[in-house]
N, C-alpha and C. Protein backbone atom coordinates (compact mmCIF):
# COMPACT_ATOMS: atom_id res chain seq x y z
N LEU A 1 32.37 78.71 29.94
CA LEU A 1 33.61 78.69 29.18
C LEU A 1 34.48 79.84 29.63
N THR A 2 35.69 79.54 30.02
CA THR A 2 36.62 80.55 30.49
C THR A 2 37.95 80.37 29.76
N ALA A 3 38.91 81.24 30.10
CA ALA A 3 40.20 81.19 29.42
C ALA A 3 41.31 81.58 30.39
N THR A 4 42.53 81.38 29.93
CA THR A 4 43.70 81.67 30.74
C THR A 4 43.98 83.16 30.85
N ASP A 5 43.32 83.97 30.05
CA ASP A 5 43.54 85.42 30.08
C ASP A 5 42.48 86.05 29.20
N THR A 6 42.51 87.37 29.09
CA THR A 6 41.64 88.03 28.13
C THR A 6 42.29 87.97 26.75
N ALA A 7 41.48 88.13 25.70
CA ALA A 7 41.95 88.10 24.31
C ALA A 7 42.65 86.79 23.96
N ILE A 8 42.10 85.68 24.47
CA ILE A 8 42.66 84.36 24.22
C ILE A 8 41.85 83.60 23.17
N GLY A 9 40.63 84.05 22.91
CA GLY A 9 39.78 83.39 21.93
C GLY A 9 38.57 82.70 22.52
N LYS A 10 38.05 83.23 23.63
CA LYS A 10 36.87 82.62 24.24
C LYS A 10 35.68 82.65 23.28
N THR A 11 35.37 83.83 22.76
CA THR A 11 34.20 83.95 21.90
C THR A 11 34.38 83.14 20.63
N PHE A 12 35.57 83.18 20.06
CA PHE A 12 35.86 82.40 18.86
C PHE A 12 35.62 80.92 19.12
N THR A 13 36.08 80.43 20.27
CA THR A 13 35.90 79.03 20.62
C THR A 13 34.44 78.73 20.93
N THR A 14 33.77 79.62 21.64
CA THR A 14 32.35 79.45 21.91
C THR A 14 31.58 79.29 20.61
N CYS A 15 31.84 80.17 19.65
CA CYS A 15 31.14 80.11 18.37
C CYS A 15 31.46 78.81 17.62
N ALA A 16 32.72 78.39 17.66
CA ALA A 16 33.10 77.15 16.99
C ALA A 16 32.36 75.96 17.60
N LEU A 17 32.27 75.91 18.91
CA LEU A 17 31.55 74.82 19.57
C LEU A 17 30.06 74.86 19.26
N LEU A 18 29.51 76.04 19.16
CA LEU A 18 28.09 76.16 18.81
C LEU A 18 27.84 75.68 17.38
N HIS A 19 28.73 76.02 16.46
CA HIS A 19 28.61 75.52 15.09
C HIS A 19 28.68 73.99 15.07
N LEU A 20 29.60 73.45 15.84
CA LEU A 20 29.76 72.00 15.90
C LEU A 20 28.51 71.33 16.46
N ALA A 21 27.95 71.90 17.51
CA ALA A 21 26.74 71.34 18.11
C ALA A 21 25.58 71.36 17.12
N ALA A 22 25.46 72.44 16.36
CA ALA A 22 24.39 72.54 15.37
C ALA A 22 24.54 71.47 14.30
N ARG A 23 25.78 71.21 13.89
CA ARG A 23 26.03 70.16 12.89
C ARG A 23 25.57 68.80 13.40
N GLN A 24 25.64 68.62 14.71
CA GLN A 24 25.26 67.35 15.31
C GLN A 24 23.78 67.28 15.67
N GLY A 25 23.03 68.28 15.23
CA GLY A 25 21.59 68.27 15.42
C GLY A 25 21.11 68.76 16.76
N LEU A 26 21.98 69.41 17.53
CA LEU A 26 21.59 69.93 18.83
C LEU A 26 21.06 71.35 18.73
N LYS A 27 20.09 71.66 19.55
CA LYS A 27 19.67 73.06 19.69
C LYS A 27 20.70 73.73 20.60
N ALA A 28 21.50 74.61 20.03
CA ALA A 28 22.66 75.15 20.75
C ALA A 28 22.55 76.66 20.89
N ALA A 29 22.88 77.14 22.06
CA ALA A 29 22.84 78.58 22.31
C ALA A 29 24.01 78.97 23.21
N GLY A 30 24.46 80.18 23.04
CA GLY A 30 25.51 80.73 23.89
C GLY A 30 25.02 81.96 24.62
N LEU A 31 25.52 82.13 25.84
CA LEU A 31 25.23 83.32 26.63
C LEU A 31 26.54 84.04 26.94
N LYS A 32 26.46 85.35 27.02
CA LYS A 32 27.58 86.17 27.49
C LYS A 32 26.97 87.10 28.54
N PRO A 33 26.84 86.62 29.78
CA PRO A 33 26.11 87.39 30.79
C PRO A 33 26.67 88.78 31.04
N VAL A 34 28.00 88.92 31.02
CA VAL A 34 28.63 90.23 31.25
C VAL A 34 29.54 90.51 30.06
N ALA A 35 29.32 91.65 29.42
CA ALA A 35 30.15 92.06 28.29
C ALA A 35 30.52 93.52 28.47
N ALA A 36 31.74 93.86 28.09
CA ALA A 36 32.21 95.24 28.24
C ALA A 36 32.77 95.72 26.91
N GLY A 37 32.22 96.83 26.42
CA GLY A 37 32.66 97.41 25.17
C GLY A 37 31.56 97.35 24.12
N THR A 38 31.05 98.50 23.70
CA THR A 38 30.00 98.52 22.69
C THR A 38 30.43 99.34 21.48
N ASN A 39 29.84 99.03 20.32
CA ASN A 39 30.12 99.77 19.10
C ASN A 39 29.18 100.97 18.97
N ALA A 40 29.22 101.62 17.82
CA ALA A 40 28.41 102.82 17.63
C ALA A 40 26.91 102.55 17.74
N ALA A 41 26.53 101.31 17.47
CA ALA A 41 25.12 100.94 17.55
C ALA A 41 24.71 100.48 18.95
N GLY A 42 25.66 100.55 19.89
CA GLY A 42 25.37 100.13 21.25
C GLY A 42 25.39 98.62 21.45
N ARG A 43 26.02 97.90 20.52
CA ARG A 43 26.08 96.44 20.59
C ARG A 43 27.49 95.99 20.95
N ASN A 44 27.57 94.86 21.59
CA ASN A 44 28.87 94.25 21.89
C ASN A 44 29.17 93.19 20.84
N ASP A 45 30.34 93.27 20.24
CA ASP A 45 30.68 92.37 19.13
C ASP A 45 30.67 90.90 19.56
N ASP A 46 31.18 90.61 20.76
CA ASP A 46 31.19 89.22 21.22
C ASP A 46 29.77 88.67 21.33
N VAL A 47 28.89 89.47 21.90
CA VAL A 47 27.50 89.04 22.06
C VAL A 47 26.86 88.79 20.70
N GLU A 48 27.11 89.70 19.75
CA GLU A 48 26.51 89.54 18.43
C GLU A 48 27.05 88.31 17.72
N ASN A 49 28.34 88.03 17.88
CA ASN A 49 28.92 86.83 17.26
C ASN A 49 28.34 85.56 17.86
N ILE A 50 28.14 85.56 19.17
CA ILE A 50 27.55 84.39 19.83
C ILE A 50 26.11 84.18 19.38
N ARG A 51 25.35 85.25 19.28
CA ARG A 51 23.97 85.14 18.80
C ARG A 51 23.92 84.59 17.38
N ALA A 52 24.85 85.05 16.55
CA ALA A 52 24.88 84.61 15.16
C ALA A 52 25.25 83.14 15.04
N ALA A 53 26.09 82.64 15.96
CA ALA A 53 26.53 81.25 15.91
C ALA A 53 25.53 80.29 16.54
N SER A 54 24.59 80.80 17.31
CA SER A 54 23.59 79.96 17.97
C SER A 54 22.46 79.63 16.99
N ASN A 55 22.03 78.38 16.98
CA ASN A 55 20.88 78.04 16.13
C ASN A 55 19.58 78.07 16.92
N LEU A 56 19.67 78.43 18.18
CA LEU A 56 18.49 78.65 19.01
C LEU A 56 18.42 80.13 19.34
N LEU A 57 17.40 80.81 18.84
CA LEU A 57 17.28 82.25 19.04
C LEU A 57 16.69 82.53 20.42
N LEU A 58 17.43 83.27 21.22
CA LEU A 58 16.98 83.66 22.56
C LEU A 58 16.90 85.18 22.63
N PRO A 59 16.07 85.72 23.51
CA PRO A 59 15.99 87.17 23.66
C PRO A 59 17.34 87.79 24.03
N GLN A 60 17.57 89.00 23.59
CA GLN A 60 18.83 89.68 23.84
C GLN A 60 19.15 89.74 25.33
N GLU A 61 18.14 90.00 26.15
CA GLU A 61 18.38 90.15 27.58
C GLU A 61 18.72 88.82 28.24
N VAL A 62 18.38 87.71 27.61
CA VAL A 62 18.77 86.41 28.11
C VAL A 62 20.21 86.11 27.72
N VAL A 63 20.55 86.42 26.48
CA VAL A 63 21.91 86.18 26.00
C VAL A 63 22.92 87.05 26.74
N ASN A 64 22.56 88.30 26.99
CA ASN A 64 23.49 89.26 27.59
C ASN A 64 22.77 90.09 28.64
N THR A 65 22.97 89.72 29.90
CA THR A 65 22.27 90.39 31.00
C THR A 65 22.83 91.77 31.27
N TYR A 66 24.16 91.91 31.24
CA TYR A 66 24.81 93.20 31.51
C TYR A 66 25.73 93.55 30.34
N CYS A 67 25.37 94.63 29.64
CA CYS A 67 26.19 95.12 28.53
C CYS A 67 26.73 96.50 28.91
N LEU A 68 28.01 96.57 29.18
CA LEU A 68 28.65 97.79 29.65
C LEU A 68 29.33 98.50 28.48
N LYS A 69 29.32 99.81 28.51
CA LYS A 69 29.77 100.57 27.35
C LYS A 69 31.27 100.55 27.14
N ALA A 70 32.03 100.78 28.20
CA ALA A 70 33.48 100.92 28.05
C ALA A 70 34.17 99.57 27.94
N GLU A 71 35.15 99.48 27.06
CA GLU A 71 35.91 98.24 26.89
C GLU A 71 37.07 98.22 27.88
N ILE A 72 36.71 98.06 29.14
CA ILE A 72 37.67 98.02 30.23
C ILE A 72 37.23 96.93 31.20
N ALA A 73 37.98 96.75 32.28
CA ALA A 73 37.60 95.75 33.27
C ALA A 73 36.14 95.97 33.68
N PRO A 74 35.34 94.91 33.74
CA PRO A 74 33.90 95.08 33.95
C PRO A 74 33.52 95.77 35.25
N HIS A 75 34.28 95.55 36.32
CA HIS A 75 33.91 96.21 37.58
C HIS A 75 34.13 97.72 37.49
N ILE A 76 35.12 98.15 36.71
CA ILE A 76 35.36 99.58 36.52
C ILE A 76 34.28 100.17 35.61
N ALA A 77 33.97 99.46 34.53
CA ALA A 77 32.93 99.93 33.62
C ALA A 77 31.58 100.02 34.32
N ALA A 78 31.27 99.02 35.16
CA ALA A 78 30.01 99.03 35.88
C ALA A 78 29.94 100.20 36.86
N ALA A 79 31.05 100.46 37.56
CA ALA A 79 31.08 101.57 38.51
C ALA A 79 30.87 102.91 37.79
N GLU A 80 31.47 103.06 36.62
CA GLU A 80 31.31 104.30 35.86
C GLU A 80 29.86 104.53 35.46
N GLU A 81 29.12 103.45 35.22
CA GLU A 81 27.73 103.56 34.78
C GLU A 81 26.74 103.47 35.94
N GLY A 82 27.25 103.27 37.14
CA GLY A 82 26.35 103.13 38.28
C GLY A 82 25.57 101.82 38.26
N VAL A 83 26.18 100.79 37.70
CA VAL A 83 25.53 99.48 37.57
C VAL A 83 26.11 98.52 38.60
N VAL A 84 25.25 97.75 39.23
CA VAL A 84 25.69 96.68 40.13
C VAL A 84 25.41 95.35 39.45
N ILE A 85 26.46 94.57 39.22
CA ILE A 85 26.31 93.27 38.59
C ILE A 85 25.85 92.26 39.64
N GLU A 86 24.64 91.77 39.49
CA GLU A 86 24.05 90.83 40.44
C GLU A 86 23.90 89.46 39.79
N PHE A 87 24.07 88.43 40.59
CA PHE A 87 24.03 87.07 40.06
C PHE A 87 22.61 86.58 39.80
N GLY A 88 21.64 87.10 40.55
CA GLY A 88 20.26 86.63 40.42
C GLY A 88 19.73 86.70 38.99
N PRO A 89 19.81 87.86 38.33
CA PRO A 89 19.32 87.95 36.95
C PRO A 89 20.09 87.04 35.99
N ILE A 90 21.37 86.85 36.22
CA ILE A 90 22.17 85.98 35.35
C ILE A 90 21.73 84.53 35.52
N LYS A 91 21.52 84.11 36.76
CA LYS A 91 21.07 82.74 37.01
C LYS A 91 19.68 82.51 36.39
N ALA A 92 18.83 83.52 36.46
CA ALA A 92 17.49 83.39 35.86
C ALA A 92 17.59 83.25 34.34
N ALA A 93 18.49 84.02 33.73
CA ALA A 93 18.68 83.93 32.28
C ALA A 93 19.20 82.55 31.89
N CYS A 94 20.11 82.01 32.69
CA CYS A 94 20.64 80.68 32.42
C CYS A 94 19.56 79.61 32.53
N ARG A 95 18.69 79.73 33.53
CA ARG A 95 17.60 78.77 33.66
C ARG A 95 16.67 78.82 32.45
N THR A 96 16.38 80.02 31.99
CA THR A 96 15.53 80.17 30.81
C THR A 96 16.16 79.51 29.59
N ALA A 97 17.45 79.75 29.40
CA ALA A 97 18.16 79.19 28.25
C ALA A 97 18.26 77.68 28.34
N MET A 98 18.55 77.17 29.53
CA MET A 98 18.72 75.73 29.70
C MET A 98 17.43 74.97 29.45
N ALA A 99 16.30 75.62 29.70
CA ALA A 99 15.02 74.96 29.47
C ALA A 99 14.74 74.78 27.99
N ALA A 100 15.41 75.59 27.15
CA ALA A 100 15.13 75.53 25.71
C ALA A 100 16.23 74.86 24.90
N ALA A 101 17.46 74.82 25.43
CA ALA A 101 18.61 74.36 24.66
C ALA A 101 19.02 72.94 24.99
N ASP A 102 19.55 72.23 23.99
CA ASP A 102 20.21 70.96 24.24
C ASP A 102 21.62 71.18 24.77
N LEU A 103 22.29 72.19 24.22
CA LEU A 103 23.63 72.54 24.66
C LEU A 103 23.69 74.04 24.88
N LEU A 104 24.09 74.44 26.08
CA LEU A 104 24.23 75.84 26.41
C LEU A 104 25.66 76.11 26.83
N ILE A 105 26.27 77.13 26.22
CA ILE A 105 27.61 77.56 26.60
C ILE A 105 27.51 78.96 27.19
N VAL A 106 27.94 79.09 28.43
CA VAL A 106 27.91 80.38 29.12
C VAL A 106 29.35 80.89 29.16
N GLU A 107 29.59 81.95 28.40
CA GLU A 107 30.96 82.47 28.29
C GLU A 107 31.23 83.53 29.34
N GLY A 108 32.35 83.40 30.01
CA GLY A 108 32.75 84.39 31.00
C GLY A 108 33.32 85.64 30.37
N VAL A 109 33.77 86.53 31.22
CA VAL A 109 34.37 87.78 30.76
C VAL A 109 35.83 87.80 31.23
N GLY A 110 36.75 88.12 30.34
CA GLY A 110 38.16 88.12 30.70
C GLY A 110 38.64 86.74 31.09
N GLY A 111 39.49 86.66 32.13
CA GLY A 111 39.94 85.37 32.65
C GLY A 111 38.98 84.85 33.70
N PHE A 112 39.41 83.85 34.45
CA PHE A 112 38.50 83.16 35.37
C PHE A 112 38.18 83.98 36.61
N CYS A 113 39.10 84.81 37.06
CA CYS A 113 38.92 85.52 38.34
C CYS A 113 38.78 87.03 38.19
N VAL A 114 38.18 87.48 37.12
CA VAL A 114 38.04 88.92 36.89
C VAL A 114 37.05 89.54 37.88
N PRO A 115 37.40 90.65 38.53
CA PRO A 115 36.47 91.30 39.46
C PRO A 115 35.20 91.78 38.74
N LEU A 116 34.07 91.64 39.42
CA LEU A 116 32.80 92.10 38.87
C LEU A 116 32.20 93.23 39.69
N GLY A 117 32.87 93.61 40.76
CA GLY A 117 32.36 94.67 41.62
C GLY A 117 31.99 94.13 42.98
N GLY A 118 32.07 95.01 44.00
CA GLY A 118 31.82 94.54 45.36
C GLY A 118 32.87 93.51 45.73
N ASP A 119 32.42 92.42 46.33
CA ASP A 119 33.37 91.37 46.69
C ASP A 119 33.17 90.14 45.81
N HIS A 120 32.60 90.34 44.61
CA HIS A 120 32.34 89.23 43.71
C HIS A 120 33.28 89.28 42.50
N ASN A 121 33.60 88.10 41.96
CA ASN A 121 34.35 88.05 40.72
C ASN A 121 33.75 86.98 39.82
N SER A 122 34.34 86.82 38.64
CA SER A 122 33.78 85.88 37.67
C SER A 122 33.89 84.44 38.14
N ALA A 123 34.87 84.13 38.99
CA ALA A 123 34.96 82.79 39.55
C ALA A 123 33.78 82.52 40.48
N ASP A 124 33.38 83.52 41.25
CA ASP A 124 32.20 83.38 42.11
C ASP A 124 30.95 83.13 41.28
N LEU A 125 30.86 83.82 40.14
CA LEU A 125 29.71 83.61 39.26
C LEU A 125 29.70 82.18 38.72
N ALA A 126 30.86 81.69 38.30
CA ALA A 126 30.94 80.31 37.82
C ALA A 126 30.50 79.34 38.90
N ALA A 127 30.91 79.57 40.13
CA ALA A 127 30.52 78.70 41.23
C ALA A 127 29.02 78.79 41.49
N ALA A 128 28.46 79.99 41.37
CA ALA A 128 27.03 80.17 41.58
C ALA A 128 26.21 79.44 40.51
N LEU A 129 26.72 79.40 39.30
CA LEU A 129 26.03 78.70 38.22
C LEU A 129 26.22 77.19 38.33
N GLY A 130 27.39 76.77 38.82
CA GLY A 130 27.64 75.36 39.07
C GLY A 130 27.78 74.50 37.83
N LEU A 131 28.11 75.11 36.69
CA LEU A 131 28.23 74.37 35.44
C LEU A 131 29.64 73.83 35.25
N PRO A 132 29.79 72.71 34.52
CA PRO A 132 31.13 72.26 34.16
C PRO A 132 31.84 73.33 33.33
N ILE A 133 33.16 73.36 33.41
CA ILE A 133 33.94 74.41 32.78
C ILE A 133 34.67 73.89 31.55
N ILE A 134 34.65 74.67 30.47
CA ILE A 134 35.54 74.46 29.34
C ILE A 134 36.60 75.55 29.43
N LEU A 135 37.86 75.16 29.42
CA LEU A 135 38.97 76.09 29.56
C LEU A 135 39.68 76.25 28.22
N VAL A 136 39.76 77.50 27.76
CA VAL A 136 40.51 77.80 26.54
C VAL A 136 41.91 78.27 26.94
N VAL A 137 42.92 77.57 26.45
CA VAL A 137 44.30 77.91 26.74
C VAL A 137 44.90 78.59 25.51
N GLY A 138 45.31 79.84 25.68
CA GLY A 138 45.98 80.54 24.60
C GLY A 138 47.42 80.06 24.52
N MET A 139 47.75 79.39 23.43
CA MET A 139 49.07 78.75 23.32
C MET A 139 50.11 79.80 22.94
N ARG A 140 50.84 80.22 23.96
CA ARG A 140 51.93 81.18 23.82
C ARG A 140 52.86 81.00 25.01
N LEU A 141 53.98 81.67 24.97
CA LEU A 141 54.91 81.59 26.09
C LEU A 141 54.21 82.01 27.38
N GLY A 142 54.32 81.19 28.43
CA GLY A 142 53.66 81.47 29.70
C GLY A 142 52.37 80.71 29.90
N CYS A 143 51.92 80.01 28.85
CA CYS A 143 50.61 79.37 28.95
C CYS A 143 50.57 78.23 29.96
N LEU A 144 51.70 77.59 30.22
CA LEU A 144 51.69 76.49 31.18
C LEU A 144 51.31 76.99 32.57
N ASN A 145 51.96 78.04 33.00
CA ASN A 145 51.66 78.61 34.31
C ASN A 145 50.21 79.11 34.36
N HIS A 146 49.80 79.83 33.33
CA HIS A 146 48.44 80.39 33.31
C HIS A 146 47.39 79.28 33.34
N ALA A 147 47.63 78.23 32.57
CA ALA A 147 46.66 77.14 32.50
C ALA A 147 46.57 76.39 33.83
N LEU A 148 47.71 76.10 34.43
CA LEU A 148 47.70 75.33 35.67
C LEU A 148 47.13 76.15 36.83
N LEU A 149 47.43 77.45 36.88
CA LEU A 149 46.85 78.29 37.92
C LEU A 149 45.33 78.40 37.75
N THR A 150 44.88 78.53 36.51
CA THR A 150 43.44 78.61 36.27
C THR A 150 42.76 77.30 36.64
N ALA A 151 43.36 76.18 36.28
CA ALA A 151 42.78 74.89 36.63
C ALA A 151 42.71 74.72 38.14
N GLU A 152 43.73 75.19 38.84
CA GLU A 152 43.74 75.12 40.30
C GLU A 152 42.62 75.97 40.90
N ALA A 153 42.42 77.16 40.33
CA ALA A 153 41.35 78.05 40.81
C ALA A 153 39.98 77.43 40.56
N ILE A 154 39.82 76.78 39.43
CA ILE A 154 38.55 76.12 39.12
C ILE A 154 38.28 74.99 40.11
N ALA A 155 39.29 74.16 40.34
CA ALA A 155 39.13 73.03 41.25
C ALA A 155 38.85 73.49 42.68
N SER A 156 39.47 74.60 43.09
CA SER A 156 39.30 75.08 44.46
C SER A 156 37.87 75.52 44.75
N ARG A 157 37.10 75.77 43.70
CA ARG A 157 35.70 76.16 43.86
C ARG A 157 34.75 74.99 43.64
N GLY A 158 35.31 73.79 43.61
CA GLY A 158 34.48 72.61 43.49
C GLY A 158 33.90 72.38 42.11
N LEU A 159 34.48 73.02 41.10
CA LEU A 159 33.98 72.89 39.74
C LEU A 159 34.81 71.90 38.94
N THR A 160 34.21 71.34 37.92
CA THR A 160 34.85 70.34 37.08
C THR A 160 35.22 70.94 35.73
N ILE A 161 36.41 70.63 35.25
CA ILE A 161 36.78 71.01 33.89
C ILE A 161 36.31 69.89 32.96
N ALA A 162 35.29 70.19 32.16
CA ALA A 162 34.74 69.18 31.25
C ALA A 162 35.65 68.94 30.06
N GLY A 163 36.53 69.90 29.79
CA GLY A 163 37.47 69.77 28.69
C GLY A 163 38.21 71.07 28.49
N TRP A 164 39.30 71.00 27.73
CA TRP A 164 40.04 72.22 27.45
C TRP A 164 40.41 72.27 25.97
N VAL A 165 40.61 73.48 25.49
CA VAL A 165 40.91 73.72 24.08
C VAL A 165 42.23 74.47 23.99
N ALA A 166 43.11 74.00 23.13
CA ALA A 166 44.36 74.69 22.86
C ALA A 166 44.16 75.58 21.64
N ASN A 167 44.28 76.88 21.83
CA ASN A 167 44.08 77.84 20.75
C ASN A 167 45.42 78.46 20.37
N ARG A 168 45.86 78.25 19.14
CA ARG A 168 47.19 78.70 18.70
C ARG A 168 47.17 80.19 18.37
N ILE A 169 47.14 81.01 19.40
CA ILE A 169 47.11 82.45 19.19
C ILE A 169 48.47 82.99 18.73
N ASP A 170 49.53 82.26 19.03
CA ASP A 170 50.88 82.63 18.59
C ASP A 170 51.39 81.54 17.67
N PRO A 171 51.30 81.76 16.34
CA PRO A 171 51.69 80.69 15.41
C PRO A 171 53.18 80.38 15.43
N SER A 172 53.99 81.29 15.98
CA SER A 172 55.44 81.07 16.03
C SER A 172 55.92 80.60 17.40
N MET A 173 54.99 80.14 18.24
CA MET A 173 55.37 79.68 19.57
C MET A 173 56.44 78.60 19.49
N SER A 174 57.50 78.77 20.24
CA SER A 174 58.58 77.79 20.26
C SER A 174 58.15 76.53 21.00
N HIS A 175 58.51 75.37 20.47
CA HIS A 175 58.24 74.08 21.10
C HIS A 175 56.75 73.90 21.41
N PHE A 176 55.93 74.23 20.42
CA PHE A 176 54.48 74.10 20.61
C PHE A 176 54.09 72.69 21.02
N ALA A 177 54.59 71.69 20.29
CA ALA A 177 54.20 70.30 20.57
C ALA A 177 54.58 69.88 21.98
N ASP A 178 55.75 70.33 22.45
CA ASP A 178 56.18 69.99 23.80
C ASP A 178 55.27 70.62 24.85
N ASN A 179 54.90 71.87 24.62
CA ASN A 179 54.00 72.55 25.55
C ASN A 179 52.62 71.89 25.55
N LEU A 180 52.13 71.52 24.39
CA LEU A 180 50.84 70.85 24.30
C LEU A 180 50.88 69.53 25.05
N SER A 181 51.95 68.77 24.87
CA SER A 181 52.09 67.49 25.55
C SER A 181 52.14 67.66 27.06
N THR A 182 52.82 68.70 27.52
CA THR A 182 52.90 68.96 28.96
C THR A 182 51.52 69.26 29.53
N LEU A 183 50.74 70.06 28.82
CA LEU A 183 49.39 70.38 29.28
C LEU A 183 48.50 69.15 29.28
N GLN A 184 48.65 68.30 28.29
CA GLN A 184 47.86 67.07 28.25
C GLN A 184 48.19 66.18 29.45
N GLU A 185 49.42 66.23 29.88
CA GLU A 185 49.85 65.41 31.01
C GLU A 185 49.37 65.99 32.34
N LEU A 186 49.35 67.33 32.46
CA LEU A 186 49.11 67.96 33.75
C LEU A 186 47.68 68.46 33.97
N LEU A 187 46.94 68.68 32.89
CA LEU A 187 45.55 69.08 33.05
C LEU A 187 44.68 67.83 33.08
N TYR A 188 44.01 67.61 34.20
CA TYR A 188 43.23 66.38 34.36
C TYR A 188 41.84 66.56 33.76
N ALA A 189 41.84 66.74 32.43
CA ALA A 189 40.61 66.93 31.68
C ALA A 189 40.90 66.59 30.22
N PRO A 190 39.89 66.19 29.47
CA PRO A 190 40.12 65.82 28.07
C PRO A 190 40.42 67.05 27.20
N LEU A 191 41.33 66.86 26.26
CA LEU A 191 41.61 67.88 25.26
C LEU A 191 40.51 67.81 24.19
N LEU A 192 39.77 68.90 24.02
CA LEU A 192 38.66 68.92 23.06
C LEU A 192 39.11 69.28 21.66
N GLY A 193 40.35 69.72 21.53
CA GLY A 193 40.86 70.03 20.20
C GLY A 193 41.91 71.11 20.23
N VAL A 194 42.61 71.24 19.10
CA VAL A 194 43.62 72.26 18.90
C VAL A 194 43.18 73.13 17.73
N ILE A 195 42.91 74.39 18.01
CA ILE A 195 42.49 75.31 16.95
C ILE A 195 43.74 75.92 16.33
N PRO A 196 43.95 75.74 15.04
CA PRO A 196 45.12 76.35 14.40
C PRO A 196 44.98 77.86 14.32
N HIS A 197 46.09 78.52 14.10
CA HIS A 197 46.05 79.98 13.98
C HIS A 197 45.28 80.38 12.72
N ALA A 198 44.29 81.24 12.88
CA ALA A 198 43.50 81.77 11.77
C ALA A 198 43.01 80.67 10.83
N PRO A 199 42.21 79.74 11.32
CA PRO A 199 41.73 78.65 10.47
C PRO A 199 40.83 79.16 9.35
N PRO A 200 40.89 78.55 8.17
CA PRO A 200 40.00 78.95 7.08
C PRO A 200 38.54 78.81 7.50
N GLY A 201 37.73 79.81 7.16
CA GLY A 201 36.33 79.76 7.52
C GLY A 201 36.03 80.32 8.89
N GLY A 202 37.04 80.87 9.58
CA GLY A 202 36.80 81.48 10.88
C GLY A 202 36.31 80.46 11.89
N SER A 203 35.34 80.87 12.72
CA SER A 203 34.86 79.98 13.77
C SER A 203 34.12 78.78 13.19
N THR A 204 33.52 78.94 12.01
CA THR A 204 32.85 77.81 11.37
C THR A 204 33.88 76.75 11.00
N GLY A 205 35.00 77.18 10.44
CA GLY A 205 36.07 76.25 10.10
C GLY A 205 36.74 75.67 11.32
N ALA A 206 36.84 76.46 12.39
CA ALA A 206 37.48 75.97 13.62
C ALA A 206 36.72 74.80 14.22
N ALA A 207 35.42 74.72 13.94
CA ALA A 207 34.63 73.60 14.46
C ALA A 207 35.16 72.26 13.99
N ASP A 208 35.83 72.25 12.83
CA ASP A 208 36.37 71.00 12.29
C ASP A 208 37.46 70.41 13.19
N PHE A 209 38.04 71.24 14.05
CA PHE A 209 39.17 70.80 14.86
C PHE A 209 38.76 70.49 16.30
N LEU A 210 37.46 70.51 16.59
CA LEU A 210 36.98 70.36 17.96
C LEU A 210 36.05 69.17 18.12
N THR A 211 35.92 68.74 19.35
CA THR A 211 34.88 67.79 19.74
C THR A 211 34.12 68.40 20.91
N LEU A 212 32.89 68.00 21.09
CA LEU A 212 32.12 68.45 22.24
C LEU A 212 32.48 67.61 23.46
N PRO A 213 32.30 68.17 24.64
CA PRO A 213 32.51 67.35 25.85
C PRO A 213 31.59 66.14 25.83
N ALA A 214 31.99 65.07 26.50
CA ALA A 214 31.15 63.89 26.59
C ALA A 214 29.81 64.26 27.20
N ALA A 215 28.77 63.56 26.78
CA ALA A 215 27.41 63.94 27.18
C ALA A 215 27.25 64.06 28.69
N GLY A 216 27.97 63.27 29.44
CA GLY A 216 27.84 63.33 30.90
C GLY A 216 28.48 64.56 31.50
N ASP A 217 29.25 65.33 30.69
CA ASP A 217 29.96 66.48 31.20
C ASP A 217 29.22 67.78 31.00
N PHE A 218 28.11 67.76 30.27
CA PHE A 218 27.32 68.97 30.17
C PHE A 218 25.83 68.62 30.32
N ARG A 219 25.07 69.62 30.65
CA ARG A 219 23.67 69.40 30.97
C ARG A 219 22.82 69.43 29.71
N LEU A 220 22.07 68.35 29.46
CA LEU A 220 21.19 68.30 28.31
C LEU A 220 19.78 68.67 28.74
């Protein structure tokens, strides 16, 4: 699961989809392989929210392979800590989770092409995992360009968009319906739902506005 930018609602959407999957009787789990920013207890809020929304309990190191302290770009945070983000451990964690889960959502960090250090970025990680992509579009001015560029980057790596979610991060966005219609026309993937701004019940309530990708679009 990726998004058109950072702070677009990836974790919120991940949690909503996990709640929805649990309602449908699926063993559902989310992973956040790379997370940046920890609280006083040394925990990352996104990781903790994903763990809480999953009805399949997985070890912390499987859910979150790299937890970096500073809430900054992950390649900078990793360099400050002397950490090298490697794909091998992340792929191993994904294999472990996939063996136990009916539905697994692997959430990226930042946008689709965020640097991870060396010559690797989050798009390379997505390609290495080879999973279908769910794209969260933050509905605000500029989202058309961001969404189409991200979709192009996903396609260029041979990956499939299993579906996309429109998240109303700006409730006063002008011509929302027109922008939504344009994205439905130009994004060659099913719309999984429109999350209203600040839905009642948080991510649990947001599940009411979503559908899961068709069974053929994710690995059971």
